[in-house]
Amino acid sequence: MIVYIDILFAVNLTVNFILLRAAALLGKNRPPLWRSLLGAAFGAAYAVAVFFPNLGVLSGLIFKLIASMMIICAAFPIYGLGEFFRLLGIFYGLSLIFGGLSFALVFMTGWGAALGAVYSNGVMYLDIPATALFTGAAAFYGGLRIIACAARLCRRRGARRRVVVELGGRRAELTALADTGNILVDPISRAPVIVAELDALGDLFDPEARLCLSSENLQDGLSEMAALGVRARLIPFSSVGREEGLMVGFVPDLAAVMDGGALRPMERCVIGIYPRALSADRSYDALYNPN
């Protein structure tokens, strides 16, 4: 049977991409698509190299471990050793499940003989039509996205996360409550807004700046932010008892979720400064949208 390198590469590229995006969903790590493609391409190139009989040494366990680690490093932003091994474990688990299902379909249904299957140095080659391959991949990934969206919609309201905000070399730690009713976005960048109490953000500002930010005159707060060199803007909002209002918001140097001792940077966001208490019992001091 003739083995086509381009098909071997395309099959492995597609499967690796699906597994990496699935790992991103399960691992709650959202890399850009180009990183997933980079990791998938590296894995596909490794599979092509291993398939050659004279490069069989690359199929050894050590080389496979090194290759999988390099795939994870290429495909994901890594924020700590724990994060790295967690993603690696998820990737291994998904690979085992996917591989087991593939072998079952190929050998128990006779599809391997029908399509033409070749196995060399731990790599399988299937002469799958390109249309079937990409249609199946698109359907599988679309299903994953639907499941992920459904899971986010079903997520219980009221979950709390520790959020770290940094600005100008200073740091504040917030207890943020998941609030699906918080649909605020920055009118300029359309980035989501995390609403935080001024008192909880106090470590970011000196007393004079805090006094200006607590003033009813929002222009004072904007002027103080400008003097500090902070990117600030006004965020329109509405709340119970107040049909329309404005709050001062700023773009932090860093906003990250504390996850098992490691910091996981959030996607672009704006911090909205609320001058009063958000919680009567002080159990949280910030609001974020879990979706």
Protein backbone atom coordinates (compact mmCIF):
# COMPACT_ATOMS: atom_id res chain seq x y z
CA MET A 1 0.00 0.00 0.00
CA ILE A 2 1.25 3.47 -0.88
CA VAL A 3 1.54 5.88 2.07
CA TYR A 4 0.96 9.53 1.22
CA ILE A 5 2.91 11.84 3.52
CA ASP A 6 0.49 14.74 3.01
CA ILE A 7 -2.48 12.61 4.10
CA LEU A 8 -0.55 11.25 7.08
CA PHE A 9 0.33 14.80 8.11
CA ALA A 10 -3.24 16.08 7.55
CA VAL A 11 -4.82 13.28 9.59
CA ASN A 12 -2.48 13.81 12.53
CA LEU A 13 -2.77 17.60 12.28
CA THR A 14 -6.57 17.39 12.44
CA VAL A 15 -6.66 14.87 15.29
CA ASN A 16 -4.05 16.78 17.30
CA PHE A 17 -5.92 20.05 16.78
CA ILE A 18 -9.18 18.49 18.01
CA LEU A 19 -7.46 17.01 21.08
CA LEU A 20 -5.70 20.28 21.92
CA ARG A 21 -8.89 22.33 21.62
CA ALA A 22 -10.71 19.74 23.74
CA ALA A 23 -7.91 19.95 26.32
CA ALA A 24 -8.27 23.75 26.25
CA LEU A 25 -11.99 23.45 27.02
CA LEU A 26 -11.53 20.92 29.82
CA GLY A 27 -8.45 22.67 31.21
CA LYS A 28 -10.06 26.13 31.10
CA ASN A 29 -7.05 27.46 29.25
CA ARG A 30 -7.97 29.43 26.14
CA PRO A 31 -4.99 29.76 23.80
CA PRO A 32 -5.35 31.53 20.44
CA LEU A 33 -6.04 29.27 17.47
CA TRP A 34 -2.55 29.79 16.05
CA ARG A 35 -1.00 28.19 19.15
CA SER A 36 -3.29 25.15 18.84
CA LEU A 37 -2.32 24.86 15.17
CA LEU A 38 1.35 25.19 16.06
CA GLY A 39 1.13 22.42 18.65
CA ALA A 40 -0.90 20.25 16.28
CA ALA A 41 1.58 20.82 13.44
CA PHE A 42 4.50 19.86 15.67
CA GLY A 43 2.71 16.65 16.66
CA ALA A 44 1.89 15.87 13.04
CA ALA A 45 5.50 16.43 11.96
CA TYR A 46 6.66 14.10 14.74
CA ALA A 47 4.17 11.43 13.57
CA VAL A 48 5.47 11.71 9.99
CA ALA A 49 9.08 11.40 11.16
CA VAL A 50 8.33 8.39 13.37
CA PHE A 51 6.52 6.62 10.51
CA PHE A 52 9.78 6.17 8.59
CA PRO A 53 11.38 2.80 9.49
CA ASN A 54 14.91 4.26 9.72
CA LEU A 55 13.69 6.77 12.33
CA GLY A 56 12.11 4.14 14.54
CA VAL A 57 14.26 5.28 17.47
CA LEU A 58 11.94 8.30 17.77
CA SER A 59 9.10 5.97 18.74
CA GLY A 60 10.76 5.25 22.09
CA LEU A 61 8.96 6.24 25.28
CA ILE A 62 11.42 9.03 26.14
CA PHE A 63 11.03 10.66 22.73
CA LYS A 64 7.23 10.37 22.93
CA LEU A 65 7.23 12.05 26.35
CA ILE A 66 9.50 14.84 25.10
CA ALA A 67 7.35 15.32 21.99
CA SER A 68 4.10 15.52 23.99
CA MET A 69 5.64 18.03 26.39
CA MET A 70 6.80 20.18 23.48
CA ILE A 71 3.30 19.99 21.96
CA ILE A 72 1.80 21.32 25.22
CA CYS A 73 4.40 24.08 25.48
CA ALA A 74 3.73 25.13 21.89
CA ALA A 75 -0.07 24.95 22.16
CA PHE A 76 -0.71 26.65 25.52
CA PRO A 77 0.41 29.65 27.54
CA ILE A 78 1.85 28.04 30.68
CA TYR A 79 1.55 29.89 33.99
CA GLY A 80 3.32 27.43 36.26
CA LEU A 81 4.56 23.86 36.63
CA GLY A 82 1.24 22.71 38.07
CA GLU A 83 -0.61 24.18 35.10
CA PHE A 84 1.78 22.42 32.70
CA PHE A 85 1.33 18.94 34.20
CA ARG A 86 -2.44 19.43 34.53
CA LEU A 87 -2.75 20.21 30.81
CA LEU A 88 -0.37 17.39 29.93
CA GLY A 89 -2.50 14.95 31.94
CA ILE A 90 -5.70 16.13 30.23
CA PHE A 91 -4.05 15.80 26.82
CA TYR A 92 -2.87 12.25 27.64
CA GLY A 93 -6.32 11.28 28.89
CA LEU A 94 -8.08 12.60 25.79
CA SER A 95 -5.50 10.92 23.56
CA LEU A 96 -6.09 7.56 25.24
CA ILE A 97 -9.87 7.89 24.87
CA PHE A 98 -9.65 9.05 21.27
CA GLY A 99 -7.10 6.39 20.40
CA GLY A 100 -9.16 3.63 22.02
CA LEU A 101 -12.29 4.65 20.15
CA SER A 102 -10.36 4.90 16.88
CA PHE A 103 -8.86 1.44 17.23
CA ALA A 104 -12.26 0.01 18.11
CA LEU A 105 -13.89 1.55 15.04
CA VAL A 106 -11.07 0.56 12.70
CA PHE A 107 -10.55 -3.04 13.77
CA MET A 108 -13.96 -4.10 15.09
CA THR A 109 -15.99 -2.69 12.19
CA GLY A 110 -13.63 -3.60 9.36
CA TRP A 111 -13.16 0.05 8.40
CA GLY A 112 -9.39 -0.42 8.55
CA ALA A 113 -9.49 -2.98 5.75
CA ALA A 114 -11.96 -0.92 3.74
CA LEU A 115 -9.99 2.30 3.96
CA GLY A 116 -6.55 0.78 3.91
CA ALA A 117 -4.67 0.89 7.19
CA VAL A 118 -0.91 0.75 7.76
CA TYR A 119 0.72 0.63 11.20
CA SER A 120 4.39 1.52 11.65
CA ASN A 121 6.43 2.48 14.75
CA GLY A 122 3.26 3.16 16.75
CA VAL A 123 1.69 5.41 14.09
CA MET A 124 -1.42 4.46 12.10
CA TYR A 125 -2.05 5.61 8.55
CA LEU A 126 -5.60 5.59 7.19
CA ASP A 127 -6.36 6.58 3.61
CA ILE A 128 -9.37 8.70 4.64
CA PRO A 129 -11.02 10.94 1.99
CA ALA A 130 -10.21 14.59 2.75
CA THR A 131 -13.88 15.62 2.71
CA ALA A 132 -14.81 12.96 5.27
CA LEU A 133 -11.85 13.88 7.46
CA PHE A 134 -12.55 17.60 7.65
CA THR A 135 -16.33 17.19 7.86
CA GLY A 136 -15.93 14.82 10.79
CA ALA A 137 -13.41 17.12 12.46
CA ALA A 138 -15.68 20.15 12.07
CA ALA A 139 -18.67 18.23 13.46
CA PHE A 140 -16.66 16.93 16.42
CA TYR A 141 -15.27 20.35 17.29
CA GLY A 142 -18.68 21.96 16.82
CA GLY A 143 -20.12 19.43 19.26
CA LEU A 144 -17.41 20.29 21.78
CA ARG A 145 -18.23 23.99 21.48
CA ILE A 146 -21.94 23.34 22.00
CA ILE A 147 -21.23 21.23 25.08
CA ALA A 148 -18.90 23.90 26.47
CA CYS A 149 -21.46 26.67 25.90
CA ALA A 150 -24.19 24.57 27.53
CA ALA A 151 -21.92 23.92 30.52
CA ARG A 152 -21.23 27.63 30.92
CA LEU A 153 -24.94 28.44 30.77
CA CYS A 154 -25.69 25.79 33.39
CA ARG A 155 -22.94 26.96 35.71
CA ARG A 156 -24.35 27.78 39.08
CA ARG A 157 -24.73 31.41 39.98
CA GLY A 158 -22.86 32.39 43.09
CA ALA A 159 -19.43 30.80 42.56
CA ARG A 160 -16.60 32.82 44.10
CA ARG A 161 -13.09 33.21 42.76
CA ARG A 162 -10.00 34.98 44.02
CA VAL A 163 -9.00 37.63 41.50
CA VAL A 164 -5.68 39.48 41.56
CA VAL A 165 -5.47 42.96 40.01
CA GLU A 166 -2.15 44.74 39.44
CA LEU A 167 -1.63 48.37 38.51
CA GLY A 168 1.57 50.40 38.52
CA GLY A 169 3.47 47.77 40.51
CA ARG A 170 0.76 47.52 43.19
CA ARG A 171 -1.53 44.57 43.82
CA ALA A 172 -5.04 44.09 45.19
CA GLU A 173 -6.81 40.77 45.83
CA LEU A 174 -10.56 40.52 45.33
CA THR A 175 -13.20 37.97 46.22
CA ALA A 176 -15.30 37.99 43.04
CA LEU A 177 -18.84 36.61 42.87
CA ALA A 178 -20.09 35.03 39.65
CA ASP A 179 -23.03 37.12 38.49
CA THR A 180 -24.63 36.31 35.13
CA GLY A 181 -26.56 39.55 35.50
CA ASN A 182 -23.33 41.52 35.16
CA ILE A 183 -23.37 42.20 31.42
CA LEU A 184 -21.35 45.41 31.58
CA VAL A 185 -18.85 46.00 28.79
CA ASP A 186 -16.43 48.82 28.16
CA PRO A 187 -18.05 51.09 25.53
CA ILE A 188 -14.63 51.69 23.94
CA SER A 189 -13.01 48.24 23.71
CA ARG A 190 -16.13 46.09 24.33
CA ALA A 191 -14.14 44.23 26.97
CA PRO A 192 -16.11 42.76 29.90
CA VAL A 193 -16.17 44.78 33.12
CA ILE A 194 -15.38 43.39 36.56
CA VAL A 195 -17.15 45.59 39.10
CA ALA A 196 -15.05 46.01 42.26
CA GLU A 197 -15.49 47.95 45.49
CA LEU A 198 -13.20 50.93 45.88
CA ASP A 199 -12.21 49.73 49.37
CA ALA A 200 -11.07 46.38 47.94
CA LEU A 201 -8.96 48.20 45.34
CA GLY A 202 -7.51 50.56 47.94
CA ASP A 203 -4.01 49.09 47.81
CA LEU A 204 -3.72 50.23 44.19
CA PHE A 205 -4.14 53.93 44.99
CA ASP A 206 -2.77 56.43 47.49
CA PRO A 207 -5.19 58.23 49.89
CA GLU A 208 -5.56 61.28 47.67
CA ALA A 209 -6.51 59.18 44.66
CA ARG A 210 -8.99 57.13 46.72
CA LEU A 211 -10.62 60.36 47.90
CA CYS A 212 -11.05 61.58 44.32
CA LEU A 213 -12.44 58.21 43.19
CA SER A 214 -15.01 58.20 46.00
CA SER A 215 -16.25 61.67 45.00
CA GLU A 216 -19.65 62.11 43.36
CA ASN A 217 -17.86 64.24 40.78
CA LEU A 218 -16.65 61.59 38.33
CA GLN A 219 -14.45 64.10 36.56
CA ASP A 220 -12.27 64.21 39.68
CA GLY A 221 -11.71 60.47 39.42
CA LEU A 222 -10.91 60.61 35.70
CA SER A 223 -8.50 63.51 36.23
CA GLU A 224 -6.71 61.63 39.01
CA MET A 225 -6.42 58.52 36.85
CA ALA A 226 -4.99 60.61 34.00
CA ALA A 227 -2.45 62.14 36.40
CA LEU A 228 -1.35 58.63 37.38
CA GLY A 229 -0.96 57.60 33.74
CA VAL A 230 -3.77 55.04 33.99
CA ARG A 231 -6.03 54.26 31.03
CA ALA A 232 -9.43 55.25 32.43
CA ARG A 233 -12.93 55.65 31.06
CA LEU A 234 -16.54 56.03 32.19
CA ILE A 235 -18.67 52.87 32.30
CA PRO A 236 -22.46 53.28 32.02
CA PHE A 237 -24.49 50.94 34.25
CA SER A 238 -27.92 50.42 35.73
CA SER A 239 -28.88 48.84 39.04
CA VAL A 240 -31.78 48.36 41.39
CA GLY A 241 -32.86 51.76 42.65
CA ARG A 242 -30.78 53.53 40.03
CA GLU A 243 -31.99 53.36 36.47
CA GLU A 244 -28.85 54.82 34.90
CA GLY A 245 -25.43 55.71 36.24
CA LEU A 246 -21.74 56.00 35.46
CA MET A 247 -18.69 54.59 37.16
CA VAL A 248 -14.99 55.15 36.60
CA GLY A 249 -13.21 52.19 35.06
CA PHE A 250 -9.58 51.44 34.28
CA VAL A 251 -7.52 48.93 32.32
CA PRO A 252 -5.29 46.99 34.76
CA ASP A 253 -1.74 45.91 34.05
CA LEU A 254 -2.85 42.41 35.04
CA ALA A 255 -6.09 40.71 36.06
CA ALA A 256 -5.69 37.06 36.95
CA VAL A 257 -7.63 34.29 38.67
CA MET A 258 -5.96 32.51 41.59
CA ASP A 259 -6.19 28.81 40.72
CA GLY A 260 -4.57 26.37 43.12
CA GLY A 261 -1.79 28.78 44.03
CA ALA A 262 -1.08 29.66 40.39
CA LEU A 263 -2.17 32.85 38.65
CA ARG A 264 -4.16 32.37 35.44
CA PRO A 265 -4.29 35.69 33.53
CA MET A 266 -7.76 36.62 32.34
CA GLU A 267 -8.65 37.81 28.89
CA ARG A 268 -8.75 41.58 28.39
CA CYS A 269 -11.05 43.24 30.89
CA VAL A 270 -11.78 46.57 32.53
CA ILE A 271 -12.14 47.11 36.29
CA GLY A 272 -15.16 49.23 37.20
CA ILE A 273 -14.78 51.09 40.52
CA TYR A 274 -17.90 50.99 42.71
CA PRO A 275 -17.61 53.46 45.62
CA ARG A 276 -19.99 51.60 47.95
CA ALA A 277 -20.29 48.05 49.32
CA LEU A 278 -21.52 45.34 46.96
CA SER A 279 -22.31 42.83 49.69
CA ALA A 280 -24.15 43.49 52.95
CA ASP A 281 -22.30 40.66 54.71
CA ARG A 282 -18.94 41.51 53.07
CA SER A 283 -18.66 37.98 51.65
CA TYR A 284 -17.49 39.33 48.29
CA ASP A 285 -16.19 42.64 46.97
CA ALA A 286 -16.35 42.21 43.20
CA LEU A 287 -18.72 40.90 40.52
CA TYR A 288 -17.76 39.09 37.33
CA ASN A 289 -19.71 37.36 34.56
CA PRO A 290 -18.80 33.61 34.49
CA ASN A 291 -19.73 33.36 30.81
